[in-house]
């Protein structure tokens, strides 16, 4: 089984380092975690709150790129993208280092502005990650509104409002969401920010990721309760070998779900099998030597045999995925970002924007309207080197 998993991983799938799962994707391998997290969300929203015990709900912002900003142990300010975690970390303390490590134009220009203004807009101690929403060059100022589109979502506010004034006049706008502690310049222990004291300055616009909640309607509550209940029944009836059966195809499963989101299709067992076969056939066509081709053909045959032998387990995985997604969707309409910035996707107003992040007992999941945001994001998001929050 380990050998099979190692071979299949060569076919790709989502990058899971620092990856925050959709609860429906998490439910495929760890249904208990997904059910418990969404149950906590339901308890919070049943009171019209974004808090319940050790659970917090934050708005998720579609910035680009993700930035790490802070002060090193000698008190020197620095900025870095996700490249700060490379084997040879790209951590810039000076504008010269930005030019050396990140080149010129585009991302480098944003880093120059960030290094100049963000260190004074964060607490004097600590390292923080946040989504860069844009610099003053990225903001469009019209007669009535100011707006910025860092990636898929455009955010706007009336010029006469405080949010519009901050967006149109600040040198840089960003959304802080994570604090890093531990070893290294950046740190190796990320922790979701709950306290935003000390963020913001006259030149840096700190958009705090607060979410706003309204109480679930009886219809929304019944829908969420029904699907969570069905997911619990399925979890209770899982056979002991379920997880070992689905784990080798977990990356295929996630990639296939994303494919259905792009196409607006409903996931199916046959569709999953076709995705596995077509993905592995592409890899077979890429390799040039007969020995390598034989290796991948054998892996494809093994993978398809594994799928066919475990059809019942994959049907169960699809059922878990469907119920958890339906429970999430039933509750999404009760949430909205609290910042006075209006999100639009493709020119149409969006209630949820990129979605929300739930911190539940120290772990994160994301609540996203995949038919709206994810589909648009797959179709035309900017190719920044992003670390998903």
Protein backbone atom coordinates (compact mmCIF):
# COMPACT_ATOMS: atom_id res chain seq x y z
CA UNK A 1 0.00 0.00 0.00
CA UNK A 2 2.83 2.42 0.82
CA UNK A 3 4.46 1.71 -2.53
CA UNK A 4 1.18 2.35 -4.35
CA UNK A 5 0.68 5.63 -2.48
CA UNK A 6 4.22 6.75 -3.30
CA UNK A 7 3.77 6.04 -7.01
CA UNK A 8 0.38 7.75 -7.16
CA UNK A 9 1.78 10.86 -5.48
CA UNK A 10 4.00 11.34 -8.54
CA UNK A 11 0.83 12.16 -10.46
CA UNK A 12 0.36 15.36 -8.48
CA UNK A 13 -2.73 16.68 -6.75
CA UNK A 14 -3.11 19.70 -4.50
CA UNK A 15 -0.15 20.96 -2.53
CA UNK A 16 -1.05 20.19 1.06
CA UNK A 17 1.72 22.06 2.87
CA UNK A 18 -0.05 24.80 4.81
CA UNK A 19 -3.20 23.86 2.93
CA UNK A 20 -6.56 24.60 4.53
CA UNK A 21 -9.19 22.02 3.59
CA UNK A 22 -12.76 22.44 2.53
CA UNK A 23 -14.78 20.48 5.14
CA UNK A 24 -16.30 18.32 2.41
CA UNK A 25 -12.82 17.34 1.18
CA UNK A 26 -11.62 16.75 4.73
CA UNK A 27 -14.62 14.48 5.32
CA UNK A 28 -13.38 11.94 2.77
CA UNK A 29 -10.52 10.81 5.02
CA UNK A 30 -11.38 12.38 8.39
CA UNK A 31 -15.17 12.65 8.59
CA UNK A 32 -15.19 13.11 12.35
CA UNK A 33 -13.12 16.31 12.14
CA UNK A 34 -15.35 17.75 9.42
CA UNK A 35 -18.57 16.89 11.23
CA UNK A 36 -17.34 18.29 14.55
CA UNK A 37 -16.10 21.54 12.98
CA UNK A 38 -19.34 22.17 11.08
CA UNK A 39 -21.39 21.26 14.14
CA UNK A 40 -19.51 23.97 16.04
CA UNK A 41 -20.23 26.42 13.21
CA UNK A 42 -23.91 25.53 13.46
CA UNK A 43 -23.91 26.14 17.22
CA UNK A 44 -22.39 29.59 16.68
CA UNK A 45 -24.75 30.55 13.87
CA UNK A 46 -27.77 29.27 15.80
CA UNK A 47 -27.03 32.21 18.12
CA UNK A 48 -26.14 34.60 15.31
CA UNK A 49 -22.52 34.60 16.46
CA UNK A 50 -19.10 33.93 14.94
CA UNK A 51 -17.89 32.36 18.20
CA UNK A 52 -18.72 29.15 20.02
CA UNK A 53 -16.36 27.74 22.64
CA UNK A 54 -12.99 27.20 20.97
CA UNK A 55 -14.40 27.95 17.54
CA UNK A 56 -13.96 31.25 15.69
CA UNK A 57 -15.12 32.24 12.21
CA UNK A 58 -13.15 34.79 10.17
CA UNK A 59 -13.65 36.30 6.74
CA UNK A 60 -11.29 35.01 4.06
CA UNK A 61 -9.79 37.57 1.68
CA UNK A 62 -8.63 36.95 -1.86
CA UNK A 63 -5.30 38.74 -1.72
CA UNK A 64 -2.13 38.14 -3.69
CA UNK A 65 0.57 37.41 -2.90
CA UNK A 66 0.59 36.18 0.67
CA UNK A 67 3.17 38.16 2.67
CA UNK A 68 5.15 37.47 5.80
CA UNK A 69 6.22 40.64 7.54
CA UNK A 70 7.91 41.14 10.87
CA UNK A 71 11.10 41.93 12.71
CA UNK A 72 13.94 39.46 13.10
CA UNK A 73 15.68 38.77 16.42
CA UNK A 74 17.92 41.82 15.91
CA UNK A 75 14.87 44.03 15.38
CA UNK A 76 15.38 44.41 11.63
CA UNK A 77 12.15 44.56 9.58
CA UNK A 78 11.72 42.08 6.73
CA UNK A 79 9.22 40.86 4.16
CA UNK A 80 8.89 37.52 2.40
CA UNK A 81 6.41 35.58 0.29
CA UNK A 82 5.91 31.84 0.59
CA UNK A 83 9.45 31.64 -0.77
CA UNK A 84 10.53 32.45 2.76
CA UNK A 85 10.06 28.74 3.45
CA UNK A 86 12.35 27.59 0.62
CA UNK A 87 15.42 25.52 1.41
CA UNK A 88 17.27 28.73 0.60
CA UNK A 89 14.74 31.19 2.10
CA UNK A 90 14.04 34.44 0.27
CA UNK A 91 13.79 36.88 3.17
CA UNK A 92 14.34 40.54 2.31
CA UNK A 93 15.46 43.08 4.93
CA UNK A 94 16.47 45.74 2.42
CA UNK A 95 15.26 46.99 -0.94
CA UNK A 96 18.50 45.67 -2.44
CA UNK A 97 17.67 42.17 -1.20
CA UNK A 98 14.20 42.43 -2.74
CA UNK A 99 15.77 43.22 -6.12
CA UNK A 100 18.31 40.43 -5.72
CA UNK A 101 15.82 37.77 -4.63
CA UNK A 102 12.62 38.74 -6.43
CA UNK A 103 13.83 40.70 -9.46
CA UNK A 104 12.05 43.80 -10.74
CA UNK A 105 8.46 44.80 -11.52
CA UNK A 106 5.24 43.05 -10.53
CA UNK A 107 5.66 41.23 -7.26
CA UNK A 108 8.97 42.96 -6.45
CA UNK A 109 7.33 46.40 -6.68
CA UNK A 110 4.69 45.30 -4.19
CA UNK A 111 7.37 43.99 -1.84
CA UNK A 112 9.24 47.31 -1.97
CA UNK A 113 6.08 49.13 -0.88
CA UNK A 114 5.34 46.51 1.75
CA UNK A 115 8.83 46.73 3.25
CA UNK A 116 8.58 50.51 3.43
CA UNK A 117 5.18 50.69 5.12
CA UNK A 118 4.06 47.40 6.70
CA UNK A 119 6.67 47.03 9.49
CA UNK A 120 5.26 50.17 11.12
CA UNK A 121 1.72 48.83 10.79
CA UNK A 122 2.24 45.62 12.80
CA UNK A 123 3.14 45.01 16.45
CA UNK A 124 6.80 45.72 17.17
CA UNK A 125 7.47 42.09 18.04
CA UNK A 126 6.44 39.01 16.11
CA UNK A 127 6.10 37.74 12.56
CA UNK A 128 2.76 37.93 10.80
CA UNK A 129 1.30 36.57 7.59
CA UNK A 130 -1.35 38.40 5.66
CA UNK A 131 -2.95 38.77 2.26
CA UNK A 132 -1.67 41.73 0.25
CA UNK A 133 -4.75 43.43 -1.18
CA UNK A 134 -2.79 45.97 -3.18
CA UNK A 135 -0.59 49.05 -3.15
CA UNK A 136 -1.68 52.56 -4.07
CA UNK A 137 -0.87 51.76 -7.72
CA UNK A 138 -3.41 48.93 -7.75
CA UNK A 139 -6.38 50.92 -6.47
CA UNK A 140 -8.91 52.23 -8.99
CA UNK A 141 -10.52 55.49 -7.89
CA UNK A 142 -13.71 56.52 -9.65
CA UNK A 143 -16.09 59.40 -9.09
CA UNK A 144 -18.01 57.54 -6.40
CA UNK A 145 -16.11 54.40 -5.36
CA UNK A 146 -12.58 53.10 -4.84
CA UNK A 147 -11.80 49.48 -5.63
CA UNK A 148 -8.99 46.95 -5.82
CA UNK A 149 -8.83 43.51 -7.46
CA UNK A 150 -5.81 41.57 -6.18
CA UNK A 151 -6.96 38.26 -7.66
CA UNK A 152 -10.43 36.90 -8.48
CA UNK A 153 -12.54 39.12 -6.21
CA UNK A 154 -12.85 42.89 -6.61
CA UNK A 155 -13.37 44.83 -3.36
CA UNK A 156 -14.87 48.32 -3.37
CA UNK A 157 -16.26 51.00 -1.07
CA UNK A 158 -17.80 54.46 -1.50
CA UNK A 159 -15.16 57.20 -1.52
CA UNK A 160 -17.12 59.07 1.14
CA UNK A 161 -16.90 56.14 3.56
CA UNK A 162 -14.02 55.51 5.99
CA UNK A 163 -13.24 52.23 4.20
CA UNK A 164 -13.17 53.98 0.83
CA UNK A 165 -10.93 56.74 2.16
CA UNK A 166 -8.47 54.24 3.64
CA UNK A 167 -8.42 52.18 0.45
CA UNK A 168 -7.86 55.21 -1.81
CA UNK A 169 -5.24 56.97 0.31
CA UNK A 170 -3.16 54.18 1.87
CA UNK A 171 0.18 53.18 0.40
CA UNK A 172 -0.64 49.52 0.96
CA UNK A 173 -3.66 47.47 2.10
CA UNK A 174 -3.35 44.05 3.67
CA UNK A 175 -5.28 41.51 5.75
CA UNK A 176 -3.29 40.03 8.68
CA UNK A 177 -4.44 36.58 9.73
CA UNK A 178 -1.59 34.44 11.09
CA UNK A 179 1.21 34.84 13.63
CA UNK A 180 4.36 32.71 13.38
CA UNK A 181 6.47 31.53 16.28
CA UNK A 182 9.28 29.03 16.72
CA UNK A 183 12.50 28.32 14.85
CA UNK A 184 13.83 30.28 11.90
CA UNK A 185 13.47 33.91 10.88
CA UNK A 186 9.79 33.51 10.07
CA UNK A 187 9.05 30.69 12.50
CA UNK A 188 7.68 27.20 12.07
CA UNK A 189 4.57 27.32 14.26
CA UNK A 190 1.67 29.23 12.66
CA UNK A 191 -1.22 30.33 14.86
CA UNK A 192 -4.43 32.00 13.74
CA UNK A 193 -4.63 35.59 14.95
CA UNK A 194 -7.46 36.36 17.37
CA UNK A 195 -6.13 39.67 18.73
CA UNK A 196 -5.50 42.45 16.21
CA UNK A 197 -4.31 45.12 18.64
CA UNK A 198 -1.44 47.12 17.18
CA UNK A 199 -2.26 46.74 13.49
CA UNK A 200 -2.60 49.71 11.16
CA UNK A 201 -0.93 53.06 10.60
CA UNK A 202 -1.53 56.23 8.62
CA UNK A 203 -0.05 54.75 5.45
CA UNK A 204 -0.99 51.07 5.78
CA UNK A 205 -4.61 49.94 5.66
CA UNK A 206 -5.06 46.87 7.86
CA UNK A 207 -8.30 45.19 6.83
CA UNK A 208 -9.20 43.00 9.78
CA UNK A 209 -10.75 39.63 8.86
CA UNK A 210 -13.85 39.87 10.99
CA UNK A 211 -16.93 38.02 9.83
CA UNK A 212 -20.52 39.00 10.46
CA UNK A 213 -23.18 36.41 11.30
CA UNK A 214 -26.94 36.41 11.33
CA UNK A 215 -29.00 33.78 13.08
CA UNK A 216 -29.78 30.72 10.99
CA UNK A 217 -33.32 30.62 9.70
CA UNK A 218 -35.39 27.54 10.65
CA UNK A 219 -35.01 26.30 7.06
CA UNK A 220 -31.22 26.74 7.11
CA UNK A 221 -30.95 25.10 10.52
CA UNK A 222 -33.06 22.09 9.45
CA UNK A 223 -31.03 21.65 6.28
CA UNK A 224 -27.70 21.75 8.10
CA UNK A 225 -28.96 19.41 10.83
CA UNK A 226 -30.29 16.89 8.31
CA UNK A 227 -27.08 16.63 6.31
CA UNK A 228 -24.85 16.57 9.39
CA UNK A 229 -27.06 13.80 10.76
CA UNK A 230 -26.75 11.79 7.55
CA UNK A 231 -22.96 12.24 7.62
CA UNK A 232 -22.88 10.97 11.20
CA UNK A 233 -24.85 7.86 10.21
CA UNK A 234 -22.41 7.14 7.39
CA UNK A 235 -19.40 7.68 9.66
CA UNK A 236 -20.85 5.36 12.30
CA UNK A 237 -21.29 2.60 9.70
CA UNK A 238 -17.81 2.91 8.19
CA UNK A 239 -15.92 -0.37 7.90
CA UNK A 240 -12.50 -0.63 9.59
CA UNK A 241 -10.70 -0.69 6.24
CA UNK A 242 -12.44 2.39 4.79
CA UNK A 243 -9.67 4.92 5.36
CA UNK A 244 -6.91 2.58 4.15
CA UNK A 245 -8.93 2.08 0.96
CA UNK A 246 -9.53 5.74 0.12
CA UNK A 247 -6.22 7.21 1.32
CA UNK A 248 -4.12 6.15 -1.74
CA UNK A 249 -6.54 8.03 -4.00
CA UNK A 250 -7.00 11.11 -1.80
CA UNK A 251 -5.12 13.42 -4.18
CA UNK A 252 -7.04 12.07 -7.15
CA UNK A 253 -10.28 12.62 -5.25
CA UNK A 254 -9.48 16.28 -4.49
CA UNK A 255 -8.34 16.98 -8.03
CA UNK A 256 -11.47 15.33 -9.42
CA UNK A 257 -13.71 17.42 -7.15
CA UNK A 258 -11.96 20.56 -8.42
CA UNK A 259 -12.54 19.35 -11.97
CA UNK A 260 -16.27 19.02 -11.30
CA UNK A 261 -16.31 22.53 -9.79
CA UNK A 262 -14.71 23.93 -12.95
CA UNK A 263 -17.19 22.12 -15.16
CA UNK A 264 -20.24 22.64 -12.94
CA UNK A 265 -20.79 18.87 -12.78
CA UNK A 266 -22.00 16.59 -10.01
CA UNK A 267 -19.29 14.18 -8.77
CA UNK A 268 -19.87 10.51 -9.58
CA UNK A 269 -18.09 7.20 -9.16
CA UNK A 270 -17.70 6.80 -12.92
CA UNK A 271 -16.38 10.33 -13.21
CA UNK A 272 -13.77 9.63 -10.53
CA UNK A 273 -12.58 6.51 -12.37
CA UNK A 274 -12.36 8.38 -15.66
CA UNK A 275 -10.38 11.15 -13.97
CA UNK A 276 -7.87 8.65 -12.53
CA UNK A 277 -7.41 6.99 -15.91
CA UNK A 278 -7.09 10.20 -17.93
CA UNK A 279 -4.67 11.75 -15.42
CA UNK A 280 -2.41 8.73 -15.44
CA UNK A 281 -2.58 8.34 -19.21
CA UNK A 282 -1.25 11.90 -19.52
CA UNK A 283 1.75 10.92 -17.40
CA UNK A 284 2.34 7.81 -19.51
CA UNK A 285 2.45 9.98 -22.64
CA UNK A 286 4.94 12.37 -21.04
CA UNK A 287 7.67 9.82 -20.37
CA UNK A 288 10.00 8.81 -23.21
CA UNK A 289 11.74 5.58 -22.24
CA UNK A 290 10.04 2.18 -22.51
CA UNK A 291 11.05 1.39 -18.93
CA UNK A 292 9.44 4.55 -17.54
CA UNK A 293 6.36 4.05 -19.71
CA UNK A 294 5.96 0.51 -18.42
CA UNK A 295 6.30 1.74 -14.83
CA UNK A 296 3.48 4.26 -15.19
CA UNK A 297 1.27 1.90 -17.17
CA UNK A 298 1.63 -0.65 -14.39
CA UNK A 299 0.82 2.03 -11.81
CA UNK A 300 -2.29 3.03 -13.78
CA UNK A 301 -3.47 -0.57 -13.97
CA UNK A 302 -2.91 -0.95 -10.22
CA UNK A 303 -4.75 2.28 -9.44
CA UNK A 304 -7.76 1.37 -11.56
CA UNK A 305 -7.85 -2.10 -10.05
CA UNK A 306 -7.74 -0.54 -6.59
CA UNK A 307 -10.62 1.76 -7.49
CA UNK A 308 -12.73 -1.08 -8.89
CA UNK A 309 -12.04 -3.34 -5.91
CA UNK A 310 -13.07 -0.56 -3.50
CA UNK A 311 -16.08 0.86 -5.35
CA UNK A 312 -18.24 0.73 -2.22
CA UNK A 313 -15.71 2.72 -0.21
CA UNK A 314 -15.50 5.42 -2.89
CA UNK A 315 -19.29 5.58 -3.11
CA UNK A 316 -19.27 6.14 0.64
CA UNK A 317 -16.64 8.87 0.26
CA UNK A 318 -18.77 10.64 -2.33
CA UNK A 319 -21.81 10.41 -0.05
CA UNK A 320 -19.87 11.91 2.87
CA UNK A 321 -18.57 14.65 0.61
CA UNK A 322 -22.06 15.47 -0.63
CA UNK A 323 -23.71 15.67 2.79
CA UNK A 324 -20.93 17.76 4.34
CA UNK A 325 -20.96 20.15 1.38
CA UNK A 326 -24.75 20.46 1.61
CA UNK A 327 -24.55 21.17 5.36
CA UNK A 328 -21.93 23.86 4.71
CA UNK A 329 -23.96 25.44 1.92
CA UNK A 330 -27.04 25.55 4.13
CA UNK A 331 -25.15 27.76 6.58
CA UNK A 332 -23.09 29.94 4.25
CA UNK A 333 -25.89 32.43 3.64
CA UNK A 334 -25.81 33.36 7.34
CA UNK A 335 -22.25 34.71 7.00
CA UNK A 336 -20.76 37.81 5.39
CA UNK A 337 -17.51 39.81 5.73
CA UNK A 338 -17.85 42.60 8.29
CA UNK A 339 -15.44 45.05 6.62
CA UNK A 340 -17.17 47.81 4.67
CA UNK A 341 -15.78 46.51 1.39
CA UNK A 342 -18.24 45.08 -1.12
CA UNK A 343 -16.95 41.95 -2.93
CA UNK A 344 -17.85 41.35 -6.55
CA UNK A 345 -16.97 38.38 -8.74
CA UNK A 346 -17.18 38.76 -12.48
CA UNK A 347 -18.93 42.08 -12.06
CA UNK A 348 -21.68 40.61 -9.87
CA UNK A 349 -22.06 41.38 -6.18
CA UNK A 350 -21.10 38.44 -3.97
CA UNK A 351 -22.42 37.97 -0.47
CA UNK A 352 -19.55 35.77 0.71
CA UNK A 353 -16.59 36.87 -1.43
CA UNK A 354 -13.80 34.33 -1.08
CA UNK A 355 -15.52 32.76 1.90
CA UNK A 356 -14.60 32.17 5.53
CA UNK A 357 -12.04 30.40 7.67
CA UNK A 358 -13.06 28.47 10.77
CA UNK A 359 -10.57 27.96 13.57
CA UNK A 360 -11.85 24.94 15.50
CA UNK A 361 -9.79 23.58 18.39
CA UNK A 362 -6.58 24.82 16.81
CA UNK A 363 -7.30 23.47 13.31
CA UNK A 364 -8.58 25.31 10.26
CA UNK A 365 -11.19 24.63 7.61
CA UNK A 366 -12.51 26.99 4.94
CA UNK A 367 -16.13 27.65 4.03
CA UNK A 368 -16.28 28.63 0.38
CA UNK A 369 -19.09 28.90 -2.14
CA UNK A 370 -17.30 26.69 -4.63
CA UNK A 371 -19.87 27.11 -7.39
CA UNK A 372 -19.23 30.88 -7.26
CA UNK A 373 -15.74 31.74 -5.99
CA UNK A 374 -13.80 28.53 -6.71
CA UNK A 375 -15.19 28.20 -10.21
CA UNK A 376 -14.28 31.82 -11.01
CA UNK A 377 -10.88 31.40 -9.38
CA UNK A 378 -10.07 28.35 -11.51
CA UNK A 379 -11.14 30.27 -14.59
CA UNK A 380 -9.00 33.36 -14.18
CA UNK A 381 -7.19 34.03 -10.91
CA UNK A 382 -3.77 35.67 -11.07
CA UNK A 383 -0.85 33.28 -10.95
CA UNK A 384 0.69 34.58 -7.73
CA UNK A 385 2.66 32.27 -5.50
CA UNK A 386 0.00 32.02 -2.81
CA UNK A 387 -0.15 30.16 0.46
CA UNK A 388 -3.82 29.39 1.11
CA UNK A 389 -5.15 30.73 4.36
